Amino acid sequence: MLPAYLLLVRAGFQRHSTYFLATLGGLFTNTVFGLLRVAVLLTVAAEAGRANGYDAATSSTFVWLGQGLIAVVQIWSTGELAERVRSGDVAIDLSRPWNLLAAQLAQDVGRAGHATLFRFVPPLAFGALLLPFRWPQRWEALLVFVVSVLLAVVISSALRFLLDLSTFWLIDARGLRGVYNSVGGTIGGLTVPLAFFPDGVRVLLYATPFPAMLQTPIDVFTERGPTLLLLAHQLVWAVGLVVIGQLALARATRKLVVQGG
C-alpha cells in the first residue's frame, strides 16, 4: 500500500506543475505583497529599534518566510473535497482501496514539494539578496526547519480535511470555510508576528493549531524559542488532528447525503 501513496505524492507534484502560468502569477503576487509587508515591518523596526526581538533582519526574514510558506502549507481552504461531498462524488473516493485522509495528505505532500521549488525558494532568495536577512546560526536549524514545515503541512492538510468533512453535516460549508480563511492567516502569524500580541492573547492563540502552521516554522528558522518545545507543539497538533480526522471520517461514511438529481 505504501508505494500507492508514494504515487499519490508524485501525482500531487505533477498536478500542480501543469499550472505553470498560475504558479508564476502566484509567485508575482506573493513577491509584491511581500515588499509591501516588509516595508511596514521595517518601518516598525526602525521606529521601535527592536520590537519584541524583531530587528530589521528578523522582520524581513519573517515576511519572506511567511510569503513562501503560504503556498507550501496552503493555509487557506479551497473546498475541493467539500464540493465532492456536496455532489456525491465522494462516494467514488470512499470506494477506492485507500484511506481518504492518507490519500489527501500524500497528495498534499507532493503539492507542497512543488510549491517549495516554485513558490518558496524564489521569494526567499529575492528577499535574502536585496534586503536584510537572518540566516540560522546553526546549520542543524535548517534540518529542523524542514521537519517543522512537514509537520505544518500535515496540520494544515488535516484541518482542511476536517473542514471539508463538515459538509456531510452542514450540507454547505462555505460559510465556515470563509471564516476559516479570514482568520487563519492572522492568528497563525502571517499578518504580524505573534510576538507583537499581548501575552494573554498569545497563550490563547497557541491553544489553537494555527500558529503551528506558520509562526512555528518561522521561529524555528530564526531560532526564536526552544526548538524541542516548538516541535512538540506541532507534533501534538499533527497527531491529534489526524486522529480526529480518522474518527470524523468513520462517522461521515455512515452519513452520506447526495444533493441533486
Protein backbone atom coordinates (compact mmCIF):
# COMPACT_ATOMS: atom_id res chain seq x y z
CA MET A 1 0.00 0.00 0.00
CA LEU A 2 2.90 2.37 0.71
CA PRO A 3 4.04 2.53 -2.96
CA ALA A 4 0.48 3.56 -3.88
CA TYR A 5 0.67 6.56 -1.55
CA LEU A 6 4.09 7.44 -2.93
CA LEU A 7 2.48 7.51 -6.37
CA LEU A 8 -0.08 9.95 -4.95
CA VAL A 9 2.77 12.16 -3.74
CA ARG A 10 4.15 12.20 -7.27
CA ALA A 11 0.68 12.82 -8.69
CA GLY A 12 0.24 15.81 -6.37
CA PHE A 13 3.53 17.27 -7.60
CA GLN A 14 2.72 16.65 -11.28
CA ARG A 15 -0.80 18.02 -11.00
CA HIS A 16 0.39 21.41 -9.81
CA SER A 17 3.32 21.51 -12.21
CA THR A 18 0.84 21.69 -15.11
CA TYR A 19 -0.43 25.10 -13.99
CA PHE A 20 2.76 27.00 -14.83
CA LEU A 21 1.14 30.38 -15.53
CA ALA A 22 -0.89 30.17 -12.33
CA THR A 23 2.32 29.39 -10.43
CA LEU A 24 4.04 32.44 -11.94
CA GLY A 25 1.02 34.61 -11.12
CA GLY A 26 1.01 33.43 -7.52
CA LEU A 27 4.75 33.95 -7.24
CA PHE A 28 4.48 37.50 -8.56
CA THR A 29 1.60 38.31 -6.19
CA ASN A 30 3.44 36.88 -3.18
CA THR A 31 6.54 38.91 -4.01
CA VAL A 32 4.63 42.18 -4.41
CA PHE A 33 2.72 41.69 -1.17
CA GLY A 34 5.98 40.66 0.48
CA LEU A 35 7.54 44.00 -0.45
CA LEU A 36 4.56 45.87 0.98
CA ARG A 37 4.59 43.86 4.20
CA VAL A 38 8.33 44.12 4.69
CA ALA A 39 8.16 47.89 4.21
CA VAL A 40 5.66 48.14 7.06
CA LEU A 41 7.62 45.90 9.43
CA LEU A 42 10.93 47.56 8.63
CA THR A 43 9.32 50.89 9.48
CA VAL A 44 8.21 49.44 12.81
CA ALA A 45 11.71 48.10 13.43
CA ALA A 46 13.25 51.48 12.57
CA GLU A 47 10.88 53.36 14.91
CA ALA A 48 10.97 50.89 17.78
CA GLY A 49 14.57 49.78 17.35
CA ARG A 50 13.86 46.16 18.19
CA ALA A 51 10.14 45.46 18.56
CA ASN A 52 9.78 42.36 20.75
CA GLY A 53 13.07 41.00 19.46
CA TYR A 54 12.33 41.72 15.81
CA ASP A 55 15.09 43.84 14.33
CA ALA A 56 15.29 44.73 10.62
CA ALA A 57 16.84 41.40 9.56
CA THR A 58 14.44 39.24 11.60
CA SER A 59 11.43 41.27 10.42
CA SER A 60 12.43 40.88 6.78
CA THR A 61 13.06 37.16 7.26
CA PHE A 62 9.67 36.75 8.93
CA VAL A 63 7.93 38.31 5.92
CA TRP A 64 9.71 36.33 3.20
CA LEU A 65 9.39 33.03 5.03
CA GLY A 66 5.69 33.70 5.56
CA GLN A 67 5.11 34.65 1.93
CA GLY A 68 6.83 31.48 0.78
CA LEU A 69 5.08 29.22 3.26
CA ILE A 70 1.60 30.41 2.23
CA ALA A 71 1.63 28.10 -0.77
CA VAL A 72 3.72 25.33 0.80
CA VAL A 73 1.49 24.91 3.83
CA GLN A 74 -1.65 26.10 1.99
CA ILE A 75 -3.21 27.83 4.94
CA TRP A 76 -6.42 28.61 3.03
CA SER A 77 -9.01 26.01 2.09
CA THR A 78 -10.23 25.66 -1.49
CA GLY A 79 -13.08 23.33 -0.55
CA GLU A 80 -12.30 20.79 -3.27
CA LEU A 81 -13.28 17.80 -1.15
CA ALA A 82 -16.30 19.68 0.21
CA GLU A 83 -17.64 20.10 -3.33
CA ARG A 84 -17.21 16.36 -3.93
CA VAL A 85 -19.23 15.72 -0.77
CA ARG A 86 -21.97 18.10 -1.98
CA SER A 87 -22.16 16.44 -5.39
CA GLY A 88 -21.94 12.90 -4.04
CA ASP A 89 -18.73 12.18 -5.97
CA VAL A 90 -17.07 11.47 -2.62
CA ALA A 91 -18.76 8.05 -2.79
CA ILE A 92 -16.27 7.16 -5.53
CA ASP A 93 -13.38 8.30 -3.34
CA LEU A 94 -14.64 6.24 -0.42
CA SER A 95 -14.94 3.12 -2.57
CA ARG A 96 -11.29 3.23 -3.63
CA PRO A 97 -8.74 0.99 -1.87
CA TRP A 98 -7.16 3.75 0.18
CA ASN A 99 -7.67 5.77 3.31
CA LEU A 100 -9.16 9.07 2.17
CA LEU A 101 -7.29 11.17 4.75
CA ALA A 102 -3.96 9.49 3.99
CA ALA A 103 -4.58 9.93 0.25
CA GLN A 104 -5.22 13.66 0.65
CA LEU A 105 -2.15 14.01 2.86
CA ALA A 106 0.04 12.19 0.31
CA GLN A 107 -1.16 14.47 -2.49
CA ASP A 108 -0.63 17.48 -0.23
CA VAL A 109 2.99 16.47 0.35
CA GLY A 110 3.51 16.35 -3.43
CA ARG A 111 1.81 19.73 -3.83
CA ALA A 112 3.98 21.16 -1.05
CA GLY A 113 7.09 19.85 -2.79
CA HIS A 114 6.16 21.69 -5.98
CA ALA A 115 5.32 24.85 -4.02
CA THR A 116 8.67 24.68 -2.23
CA LEU A 117 10.57 24.80 -5.52
CA PHE A 118 8.48 27.43 -7.27
CA ARG A 119 6.67 29.45 -4.59
CA PHE A 120 9.02 29.29 -1.58
CA VAL A 121 12.60 29.38 -2.86
CA PRO A 122 12.24 32.32 -5.33
CA PRO A 123 10.76 34.91 -2.91
CA LEU A 124 13.12 33.77 -0.17
CA ALA A 125 16.12 34.23 -2.48
CA PHE A 126 14.73 37.61 -3.58
CA GLY A 127 14.41 38.82 -0.01
CA ALA A 128 17.78 37.43 1.07
CA LEU A 129 19.63 39.10 -1.82
CA LEU A 130 18.02 42.54 -1.69
CA LEU A 131 17.06 43.10 1.95
CA PRO A 132 18.40 42.40 5.45
CA PHE A 133 18.03 38.70 6.18
CA ARG A 134 18.71 36.47 9.17
CA TRP A 135 20.03 33.02 8.37
CA PRO A 136 20.16 30.41 11.17
CA GLN A 137 23.33 30.48 13.23
CA ARG A 138 23.46 26.68 13.32
CA TRP A 139 23.17 24.50 10.21
CA GLU A 140 21.10 21.97 12.18
CA ALA A 141 18.35 24.58 12.37
CA LEU A 142 17.80 24.18 8.62
CA LEU A 143 17.16 20.44 9.04
CA VAL A 144 14.79 21.10 11.94
CA PHE A 145 13.07 23.72 9.80
CA VAL A 146 12.37 21.08 7.12
CA VAL A 147 10.80 18.82 9.77
CA SER A 148 8.79 21.74 11.11
CA VAL A 149 7.45 22.58 7.64
CA LEU A 150 6.46 18.93 7.06
CA LEU A 151 4.54 18.94 10.34
CA ALA A 152 2.89 22.22 9.32
CA VAL A 153 1.78 20.62 6.03
CA VAL A 154 0.27 17.68 7.95
CA ILE A 155 -1.56 20.03 10.34
CA SER A 156 -2.92 22.17 7.52
CA SER A 157 -4.00 19.14 5.48
CA ALA A 158 -5.79 17.56 8.45
CA LEU A 159 -7.52 20.85 9.32
CA ARG A 160 -8.74 21.37 5.76
CA PHE A 161 -9.88 17.73 5.66
CA LEU A 162 -11.99 18.24 8.79
CA LEU A 163 -13.35 21.48 7.39
CA ASP A 164 -14.43 19.76 4.18
CA LEU A 165 -15.88 16.78 6.06
CA SER A 166 -18.20 19.15 7.90
CA THR A 167 -20.16 19.30 4.63
CA PHE A 168 -21.56 15.86 5.50
CA TRP A 169 -23.48 17.55 8.32
CA LEU A 170 -23.78 21.18 7.20
CA ILE A 171 -24.56 20.38 3.53
CA ASP A 172 -22.91 23.70 2.60
CA ALA A 173 -19.72 24.59 4.50
CA ARG A 174 -18.84 27.72 2.51
CA GLY A 175 -19.67 30.00 5.43
CA LEU A 176 -17.46 28.04 7.80
CA ARG A 177 -14.71 27.94 5.18
CA GLY A 178 -14.99 31.72 4.74
CA VAL A 179 -14.44 32.26 8.47
CA TYR A 180 -11.52 29.83 8.46
CA ASN A 181 -9.84 31.57 5.51
CA SER A 182 -10.42 35.00 7.03
CA VAL A 183 -8.92 34.41 10.44
CA GLY A 184 -6.43 31.60 9.82
CA GLY A 185 -3.63 33.77 8.47
CA THR A 186 -3.97 36.45 11.14
CA ILE A 187 -3.93 34.14 14.15
CA GLY A 188 -1.36 31.89 12.51
CA GLY A 189 1.29 34.56 12.25
CA LEU A 190 1.02 35.68 8.64
CA THR A 191 -0.05 39.31 9.11
CA VAL A 192 2.26 40.23 12.00
CA PRO A 193 4.49 38.16 14.31
CA LEU A 194 2.54 36.68 17.18
CA ALA A 195 5.22 38.13 19.48
CA PHE A 196 3.56 41.51 18.89
CA PHE A 197 0.37 40.33 20.64
CA PRO A 198 -0.15 40.71 24.41
CA ASP A 199 0.95 37.71 26.48
CA GLY A 200 -2.60 36.64 27.35
CA VAL A 201 -3.71 36.72 23.72
CA ARG A 202 -0.63 34.76 22.66
CA VAL A 203 -1.46 31.99 25.13
CA LEU A 204 -4.95 31.71 23.65
CA LEU A 205 -3.60 31.66 20.09
CA TYR A 206 -1.12 28.90 20.87
CA ALA A 207 -4.01 26.84 22.23
CA THR A 208 -5.10 26.54 18.58
CA PRO A 209 -3.27 24.76 15.74
CA PHE A 210 -2.91 27.90 13.60
CA PRO A 211 0.47 29.14 14.93
CA ALA A 212 1.89 25.66 14.29
CA MET A 213 1.28 26.15 10.55
CA LEU A 214 3.22 29.40 10.06
CA GLN A 215 4.67 31.08 13.12
CA THR A 216 6.35 27.96 14.47
CA PRO A 217 8.34 27.10 11.30
CA ILE A 218 9.42 30.74 11.10
CA ASP A 219 10.50 30.69 14.77
CA VAL A 220 12.47 27.50 14.12
CA PHE A 221 14.28 29.13 11.17
CA THR A 222 15.03 32.35 13.07
CA GLU A 223 15.92 30.36 16.21
CA ARG A 224 13.40 32.06 18.45
CA GLY A 225 12.34 29.92 21.39
CA PRO A 226 13.18 26.35 22.46
CA THR A 227 13.25 24.16 19.35
CA LEU A 228 12.08 20.95 21.06
CA LEU A 229 9.10 22.70 22.60
CA LEU A 230 8.13 24.23 19.25
CA LEU A 231 8.31 20.84 17.50
CA ALA A 232 6.43 19.15 20.36
CA HIS A 233 3.61 21.67 19.96
CA GLN A 234 3.42 20.88 16.25
CA LEU A 235 3.62 17.12 16.78
CA VAL A 236 0.79 17.12 19.30
CA TRP A 237 -1.47 19.01 16.89
CA ALA A 238 -0.44 16.88 13.90
CA VAL A 239 -1.18 13.58 15.67
CA GLY A 240 -4.32 14.92 17.34
CA LEU A 241 -5.84 16.29 14.13
CA VAL A 242 -5.07 13.12 12.17
CA VAL A 243 -6.76 11.01 14.85
CA ILE A 244 -9.77 13.35 14.93
CA GLY A 245 -9.87 13.28 11.15
CA GLN A 246 -9.99 9.49 11.11
CA LEU A 247 -12.80 9.44 13.68
CA ALA A 248 -14.74 12.06 11.73
CA LEU A 249 -14.24 10.09 8.51
CA ALA A 250 -15.62 6.94 10.17
CA ARG A 251 -18.72 8.88 11.24
CA ALA A 252 -19.07 10.57 7.85
CA THR A 253 -19.14 7.28 5.94
CA ARG A 254 -22.34 6.46 7.81
CA LYS A 255 -23.92 9.76 6.84
CA LEU A 256 -23.77 10.10 3.05
CA VAL A 257 -26.13 12.75 1.72
CA VAL A 258 -26.34 13.35 -2.05
CA GLN A 259 -27.92 16.55 -3.37
CA GLY A 260 -29.39 16.97 -6.83
CA GLY A 261 -30.84 14.51 -9.31
